Amino acid sequence: MIRRLLARLFWLCSRWRLRTEPAPTRPTVLVGAPHTSNWDFVLMLAIAWRLGIHIRWLGKASLFAGWRGPVMRALGGIAVDRADAARVVAEIVARVNAGEVFSLVVTPDGTRGGNAYWKSGFYRIARETGMPVTLGYVDRTTMTSGLGPTIEFTGDVAADMNRIRAFYADKAGLRPERRTEPRLSSEGAKPSV
């Protein structure tokens, strides 16, 4: 209740506007993109708290060092050792299969830009758990943030990613120059135009 109240206050005072499709009715992999600023974290919490979505999120292990660890875990954080990303996917799948109920926020474009491809863990988690994928966004051009459609992955990576690319095509992120095109390395090189 306190989180919802804080979120309402945030959206009331913020220059950002919440524009969202209805919250998913079951646990989902919630993609947060484009991830171009640390402010994306605040917006993600404000969206989840306002919509009453119980979330867990993946963050680099250094965010959990020292006094920040308990705070980050209380906010739903799960530390990721980037040297062993496959272990993270297995851990999340095991948690879901064991009956833990949460929506998982993932920023597959990595840490605020600079990557050639999105990380594929979100795709593998969705496929292995049967969770749908909800497309969350930040768009500086319209000063809006929220949730887009919730989709089921088919296993046809190119077709699934085409749907994702179509949704994010007009979303700029807070720092558009740091945006990474939604593309997995398994799709191969970007086609020439």
C-alpha atoms as a PDB file:
ATOM      1  CA  MET A   1       0.000   0.000   0.000  1.00  0.00           C
ATOM      2  CA  ILE A   2       2.847   2.391   0.823  1.00  0.00           C
ATOM      3  CA  ARG A   3       4.581   1.564  -2.462  1.00  0.00           C
ATOM      4  CA  ARG A   4       1.400   2.295  -4.425  1.00  0.00           C
ATOM      5  CA  LEU A   5       0.997   5.602  -2.610  1.00  0.00           C
ATOM      6  CA  LEU A   6       4.628   6.557  -3.339  1.00  0.00           C
ATOM      7  CA  ALA A   7       4.135   5.629  -6.995  1.00  0.00           C
ATOM      8  CA  ARG A   8       0.968   7.747  -7.269  1.00  0.00           C
ATOM      9  CA  LEU A   9       2.847  10.665  -5.769  1.00  0.00           C
ATOM     10  CA  PHE A  10       5.732  10.140  -8.184  1.00  0.00           C
ATOM     11  CA  TRP A  11       3.473  10.142 -11.247  1.00  0.00           C
ATOM     12  CA  LEU A  12       1.590  13.163  -9.948  1.00  0.00           C
ATOM     13  CA  CYS A  13       4.785  15.209  -9.506  1.00  0.00           C
ATOM     14  CA  SER A  14       6.863  13.850 -12.377  1.00  0.00           C
ATOM     15  CA  ARG A  15       7.249  15.417 -15.786  1.00  0.00           C
ATOM     16  CA  TRP A  16       6.999  11.860 -17.111  1.00  0.00           C
ATOM     17  CA  ARG A  17       3.569  10.422 -17.904  1.00  0.00           C
ATOM     18  CA  LEU A  18       2.488   6.847 -17.340  1.00  0.00           C
ATOM     19  CA  ARG A  19       0.884   5.425 -20.487  1.00  0.00           C
ATOM     20  CA  THR A  20       0.369   1.747 -20.219  1.00  0.00           C
ATOM     21  CA  GLU A  21      -1.643  -1.184 -21.334  1.00  0.00           C
ATOM     22  CA  PRO A  22      -3.285  -3.082 -18.459  1.00  0.00           C
ATOM     23  CA  ALA A  23      -0.877  -4.852 -16.128  1.00  0.00           C
ATOM     24  CA  PRO A  24      -0.295  -8.513 -16.969  1.00  0.00           C
ATOM     25  CA  THR A  25      -2.598 -10.863 -15.096  1.00  0.00           C
ATOM     26  CA  ARG A  26       0.071 -13.497 -14.481  1.00  0.00           C
ATOM     27  CA  PRO A  27       3.829 -13.516 -13.871  1.00  0.00           C
ATOM     28  CA  THR A  28       5.752 -12.278 -16.878  1.00  0.00           C
ATOM     29  CA  VAL A  29       9.242 -11.490 -18.097  1.00  0.00           C
ATOM     30  CA  LEU A  30       9.077  -7.711 -18.201  1.00  0.00           C
ATOM     31  CA  VAL A  31      11.523  -6.266 -20.721  1.00  0.00           C
ATOM     32  CA  GLY A  32      12.772  -2.790 -19.810  1.00  0.00           C
ATOM     33  CA  ALA A  33      14.055  -0.978 -22.892  1.00  0.00           C
ATOM     34  CA  PRO A  34      15.658   1.097 -24.135  1.00  0.00           C
ATOM     35  CA  HIS A  35      17.863   1.066 -21.029  1.00  0.00           C
ATOM     36  CA  THR A  36      19.938   4.216 -21.500  1.00  0.00           C
ATOM     37  CA  SER A  37      20.034   5.839 -18.048  1.00  0.00           C
ATOM     38  CA  ASN A  38      20.095   5.024 -14.340  1.00  0.00           C
ATOM     39  CA  TRP A  39      16.753   6.884 -14.121  1.00  0.00           C
ATOM     40  CA  ASP A  40      15.188   3.886 -15.883  1.00  0.00           C
ATOM     41  CA  PHE A  41      15.360   2.084 -12.526  1.00  0.00           C
ATOM     42  CA  VAL A  42      13.231   4.740 -10.816  1.00  0.00           C
ATOM     43  CA  LEU A  43      10.694   4.664 -13.647  1.00  0.00           C
ATOM     44  CA  MET A  44      10.565   0.850 -13.518  1.00  0.00           C
ATOM     45  CA  LEU A  45       9.812   0.870  -9.790  1.00  0.00           C
ATOM     46  CA  ALA A  46       7.191   3.601 -10.249  1.00  0.00           C
ATOM     47  CA  ILE A  47       5.439   1.592 -12.993  1.00  0.00           C
ATOM     48  CA  ALA A  48       5.477  -1.678 -11.047  1.00  0.00           C
ATOM     49  CA  TRP A  49       4.384  -0.116  -7.771  1.00  0.00           C
ATOM     50  CA  ARG A  50       1.601   1.923  -9.424  1.00  0.00           C
ATOM     51  CA  LEU A  51       0.233  -1.142 -11.229  1.00  0.00           C
ATOM     52  CA  GLY A  52       0.676  -3.443  -8.230  1.00  0.00           C
ATOM     53  CA  ILE A  53       3.082  -5.823  -9.986  1.00  0.00           C
ATOM     54  CA  HIS A  54       5.292  -7.933  -7.701  1.00  0.00           C
ATOM     55  CA  ILE A  55       8.675  -7.731  -9.408  1.00  0.00           C
ATOM     56  CA  ARG A  56      12.142  -9.140  -9.154  1.00  0.00           C
ATOM     57  CA  TRP A  57      14.886  -7.641 -11.293  1.00  0.00           C
ATOM     58  CA  LEU A  58      18.366  -8.574 -12.406  1.00  0.00           C
ATOM     59  CA  GLY A  59      21.262  -6.236 -11.642  1.00  0.00           C
ATOM     60  CA  LYS A  60      25.031  -6.400 -11.867  1.00  0.00           C
ATOM     61  CA  ALA A  61      26.647  -7.800  -8.724  1.00  0.00           C
ATOM     62  CA  SER A  62      28.467  -4.530  -7.931  1.00  0.00           C
ATOM     63  CA  LEU A  63      25.079  -2.893  -7.183  1.00  0.00           C
ATOM     64  CA  PHE A  64      24.725  -5.268  -4.234  1.00  0.00           C
ATOM     65  CA  ALA A  65      28.072  -4.466  -2.587  1.00  0.00           C
ATOM     66  CA  GLY A  66      28.163  -3.181   0.988  1.00  0.00           C
ATOM     67  CA  TRP A  67      25.182  -1.328   2.462  1.00  0.00           C
ATOM     68  CA  ARG A  68      23.388  -1.290  -0.912  1.00  0.00           C
ATOM     69  CA  GLY A  69      22.914  -5.065  -0.918  1.00  0.00           C
ATOM     70  CA  PRO A  70      20.046  -5.230   1.599  1.00  0.00           C
ATOM     71  CA  VAL A  71      18.349  -2.211  -0.011  1.00  0.00           C
ATOM     72  CA  MET A  72      18.602  -3.651  -3.524  1.00  0.00           C
ATOM     73  CA  ARG A  73      17.326  -7.059  -2.392  1.00  0.00           C
ATOM     74  CA  ALA A  74      14.412  -5.400  -0.549  1.00  0.00           C
ATOM     75  CA  LEU A  75      13.515  -3.663  -3.823  1.00  0.00           C
ATOM     76  CA  GLY A  76      13.439  -7.061  -5.568  1.00  0.00           C
ATOM     77  CA  GLY A  77      16.986  -7.244  -6.892  1.00  0.00           C
ATOM     78  CA  ILE A  78      18.805 -10.427  -7.826  1.00  0.00           C
ATOM     79  CA  ALA A  79      22.582 -10.054  -8.221  1.00  0.00           C
ATOM     80  CA  VAL A  80      24.032 -11.211 -11.530  1.00  0.00           C
ATOM     81  CA  ASP A  81      27.598 -12.451 -11.922  1.00  0.00           C
ATOM     82  CA  ARG A  82      28.258 -11.475 -15.520  1.00  0.00           C
ATOM     83  CA  ALA A  83      31.040 -14.039 -15.755  1.00  0.00           C
ATOM     84  CA  ASP A  84      28.432 -16.827 -15.357  1.00  0.00           C
ATOM     85  CA  ALA A  85      25.277 -15.591 -17.093  1.00  0.00           C
ATOM     86  CA  ALA A  86      24.050 -19.143 -17.825  1.00  0.00           C
ATOM     87  CA  ARG A  87      23.830 -19.786 -14.093  1.00  0.00           C
ATOM     88  CA  VAL A  88      21.469 -16.814 -13.729  1.00  0.00           C
ATOM     89  CA  VAL A  89      19.066 -18.216 -16.318  1.00  0.00           C
ATOM     90  CA  ALA A  90      19.131 -21.623 -14.600  1.00  0.00           C
ATOM     91  CA  GLU A  91      18.543 -19.998 -11.182  1.00  0.00           C
ATOM     92  CA  ILE A  92      15.525 -17.996 -12.394  1.00  0.00           C
ATOM     93  CA  VAL A  93      14.027 -21.025 -14.143  1.00  0.00           C
ATOM     94  CA  ALA A  94      14.508 -23.072 -10.950  1.00  0.00           C
ATOM     95  CA  ARG A  95      12.795 -20.376  -8.831  1.00  0.00           C
ATOM     96  CA  VAL A  96       9.784 -20.240 -11.157  1.00  0.00           C
ATOM     97  CA  ASN A  97       9.568 -24.032 -11.392  1.00  0.00           C
ATOM     98  CA  ALA A  98       9.721 -24.232  -7.584  1.00  0.00           C
ATOM     99  CA  GLY A  99       6.581 -22.096  -7.394  1.00  0.00           C
ATOM    100  CA  GLU A 100       7.972 -18.643  -6.634  1.00  0.00           C
ATOM    101  CA  VAL A 101       5.569 -16.090  -8.149  1.00  0.00           C
ATOM    102  CA  PHE A 102       6.965 -12.831  -9.513  1.00  0.00           C
ATOM    103  CA  SER A 103       7.391 -10.850 -12.682  1.00  0.00           C
ATOM    104  CA  LEU A 104      11.014 -10.596 -13.715  1.00  0.00           C
ATOM    105  CA  VAL A 105      12.325  -7.264 -15.002  1.00  0.00           C
ATOM    106  CA  VAL A 106      15.203  -7.676 -17.449  1.00  0.00           C
ATOM    107  CA  THR A 107      17.100  -5.055 -19.445  1.00  0.00           C
ATOM    108  CA  PRO A 108      18.401  -7.189 -22.315  1.00  0.00           C
ATOM    109  CA  ASP A 109      20.169  -4.309 -24.019  1.00  0.00           C
ATOM    110  CA  GLY A 110      22.619  -4.319 -21.128  1.00  0.00           C
ATOM    111  CA  THR A 111      23.952  -1.509 -19.033  1.00  0.00           C
ATOM    112  CA  ARG A 112      22.880   1.743 -20.622  1.00  0.00           C
ATOM    113  CA  GLY A 113      24.003   1.131 -24.207  1.00  0.00           C
ATOM    114  CA  GLY A 114      27.212   0.368 -25.986  1.00  0.00           C
ATOM    115  CA  ASN A 115      26.339  -3.209 -26.928  1.00  0.00           C
ATOM    116  CA  ALA A 116      25.913  -4.554 -30.442  1.00  0.00           C
ATOM    117  CA  TYR A 117      23.226  -7.066 -29.401  1.00  0.00           C
ATOM    118  CA  TRP A 118      20.664  -7.680 -26.722  1.00  0.00           C
ATOM    119  CA  LYS A 119      21.495 -10.429 -24.232  1.00  0.00           C
ATOM    120  CA  SER A 120      19.392 -13.541 -24.877  1.00  0.00           C
ATOM    121  CA  GLY A 121      18.735 -14.576 -21.253  1.00  0.00           C
ATOM    122  CA  PHE A 122      15.261 -13.004 -21.229  1.00  0.00           C
ATOM    123  CA  TYR A 123      14.307 -15.086 -24.257  1.00  0.00           C
ATOM    124  CA  ARG A 124      15.616 -18.328 -22.740  1.00  0.00           C
ATOM    125  CA  ILE A 125      13.903 -17.640 -19.392  1.00  0.00           C
ATOM    126  CA  ALA A 126      10.566 -16.964 -21.108  1.00  0.00           C
ATOM    127  CA  ARG A 127      10.802 -20.101 -23.240  1.00  0.00           C
ATOM    128  CA  GLU A 128      11.969 -22.395 -20.412  1.00  0.00           C
ATOM    129  CA  THR A 129       9.382 -21.184 -17.884  1.00  0.00           C
ATOM    130  CA  GLY A 130       6.474 -20.621 -20.270  1.00  0.00           C
ATOM    131  CA  MET A 131       6.169 -17.039 -19.001  1.00  0.00           C
ATOM    132  CA  PRO A 132       4.862 -14.431 -21.437  1.00  0.00           C
ATOM    133  CA  VAL A 133       6.917 -11.314 -22.180  1.00  0.00           C
ATOM    134  CA  THR A 134       5.653  -7.798 -21.433  1.00  0.00           C
ATOM    135  CA  LEU A 135       7.345  -4.945 -23.259  1.00  0.00           C
ATOM    136  CA  GLY A 136       8.105  -2.044 -20.912  1.00  0.00           C
ATOM    137  CA  TYR A 137       9.460   1.206 -22.266  1.00  0.00           C
ATOM    138  CA  VAL A 138      10.870   4.679 -21.685  1.00  0.00           C
ATOM    139  CA  ASP A 139      10.393   7.223 -24.472  1.00  0.00           C
ATOM    140  CA  ARG A 140      11.958  10.644 -24.113  1.00  0.00           C
ATOM    141  CA  THR A 141      10.383  11.966 -27.321  1.00  0.00           C
ATOM    142  CA  THR A 142       6.905  11.741 -25.750  1.00  0.00           C
ATOM    143  CA  MET A 143       8.046  11.851 -22.095  1.00  0.00           C
ATOM    144  CA  THR A 144       6.103   8.652 -21.470  1.00  0.00           C
ATOM    145  CA  SER A 145       6.887   5.367 -19.814  1.00  0.00           C
ATOM    146  CA  GLY A 146       4.829   2.276 -19.223  1.00  0.00           C
ATOM    147  CA  LEU A 147       3.961  -1.185 -20.432  1.00  0.00           C
ATOM    148  CA  GLY A 148       3.185  -2.210 -23.967  1.00  0.00           C
ATOM    149  CA  PRO A 149       1.774  -5.519 -25.113  1.00  0.00           C
ATOM    150  CA  THR A 150       2.273  -8.873 -23.441  1.00  0.00           C
ATOM    151  CA  ILE A 151       3.300 -11.510 -25.964  1.00  0.00           C
ATOM    152  CA  GLU A 152       3.950 -15.233 -25.996  1.00  0.00           C
ATOM    153  CA  PHE A 153       7.172 -16.358 -27.651  1.00  0.00           C
ATOM    154  CA  THR A 154       6.785 -18.924 -30.417  1.00  0.00           C
ATOM    155  CA  GLY A 155      10.339 -20.270 -30.551  1.00  0.00           C
ATOM    156  CA  ASP A 156      10.844 -18.611 -33.946  1.00  0.00           C
ATOM    157  CA  VAL A 157      13.507 -16.200 -32.722  1.00  0.00           C
ATOM    158  CA  ALA A 158      13.505 -13.965 -35.816  1.00  0.00           C
ATOM    159  CA  ALA A 159       9.699 -13.613 -35.841  1.00  0.00           C
ATOM    160  CA  ASP A 160       9.543 -12.986 -32.082  1.00  0.00           C
ATOM    161  CA  MET A 161      12.304 -10.380 -32.290  1.00  0.00           C
ATOM    162  CA  ASN A 162      10.594  -8.716 -35.262  1.00  0.00           C
ATOM    163  CA  ARG A 163       7.557  -8.124 -33.036  1.00  0.00           C
ATOM    164  CA  ILE A 164       9.817  -6.642 -30.367  1.00  0.00           C
ATOM    165  CA  ARG A 165      11.650  -4.442 -32.891  1.00  0.00           C
ATOM    166  CA  ALA A 166       8.337  -3.143 -34.259  1.00  0.00           C
ATOM    167  CA  PHE A 167       7.225  -2.096 -30.773  1.00  0.00           C
ATOM    168  CA  TYR A 168      10.506  -0.383 -29.844  1.00  0.00           C
ATOM    169  CA  ALA A 169      11.091   1.244 -33.265  1.00  0.00           C
ATOM    170  CA  ASP A 170       9.815   4.634 -32.093  1.00  0.00           C
ATOM    171  CA  LYS A 171      11.027   4.449 -28.462  1.00  0.00           C
ATOM    172  CA  ALA A 172      14.122   6.576 -27.823  1.00  0.00           C
ATOM    173  CA  GLY A 173      15.041   6.095 -24.169  1.00  0.00           C
ATOM    174  CA  LEU A 174      16.220   8.900 -21.914  1.00  0.00           C
ATOM    175  CA  ARG A 175      19.561   9.122 -23.749  1.00  0.00           C
ATOM    176  CA  PRO A 176      18.798   8.155 -27.359  1.00  0.00           C
ATOM    177  CA  GLU A 177      22.477   8.030 -28.357  1.00  0.00           C
ATOM    178  CA  ARG A 178      22.910   5.008 -26.030  1.00  0.00           C
ATOM    179  CA  ARG A 179      20.059   2.961 -27.515  1.00  0.00           C
ATOM    180  CA  THR A 180      20.821  -0.587 -28.681  1.00  0.00           C
ATOM    181  CA  GLU A 181      18.729  -2.037 -31.522  1.00  0.00           C
ATOM    182  CA  PRO A 182      16.685  -5.060 -30.321  1.00  0.00           C
ATOM    183  CA  ARG A 183      18.673  -7.861 -31.964  1.00  0.00           C
ATOM    184  CA  LEU A 184      20.076 -11.114 -30.596  1.00  0.00           C
ATOM    185  CA  SER A 185      23.480 -12.356 -31.735  1.00  0.00           C
ATOM    186  CA  SER A 186      21.828 -15.632 -32.773  1.00  0.00           C
ATOM    187  CA  GLU A 187      19.932 -13.682 -35.452  1.00  0.00           C
ATOM    188  CA  GLY A 188      23.205 -12.901 -37.211  1.00  0.00           C
ATOM    189  CA  ALA A 189      24.321  -9.632 -38.693  1.00  0.00           C
ATOM    190  CA  LYS A 190      21.891  -6.803 -39.183  1.00  0.00           C
ATOM    191  CA  PRO A 191      20.584  -6.878 -42.765  1.00  0.00           C
ATOM    192  CA  SER A 192      21.847  -4.091 -44.990  1.00  0.00           C
ATOM    193  CA  VAL A 193      19.300  -1.559 -46.203  1.00  0.00           C
END
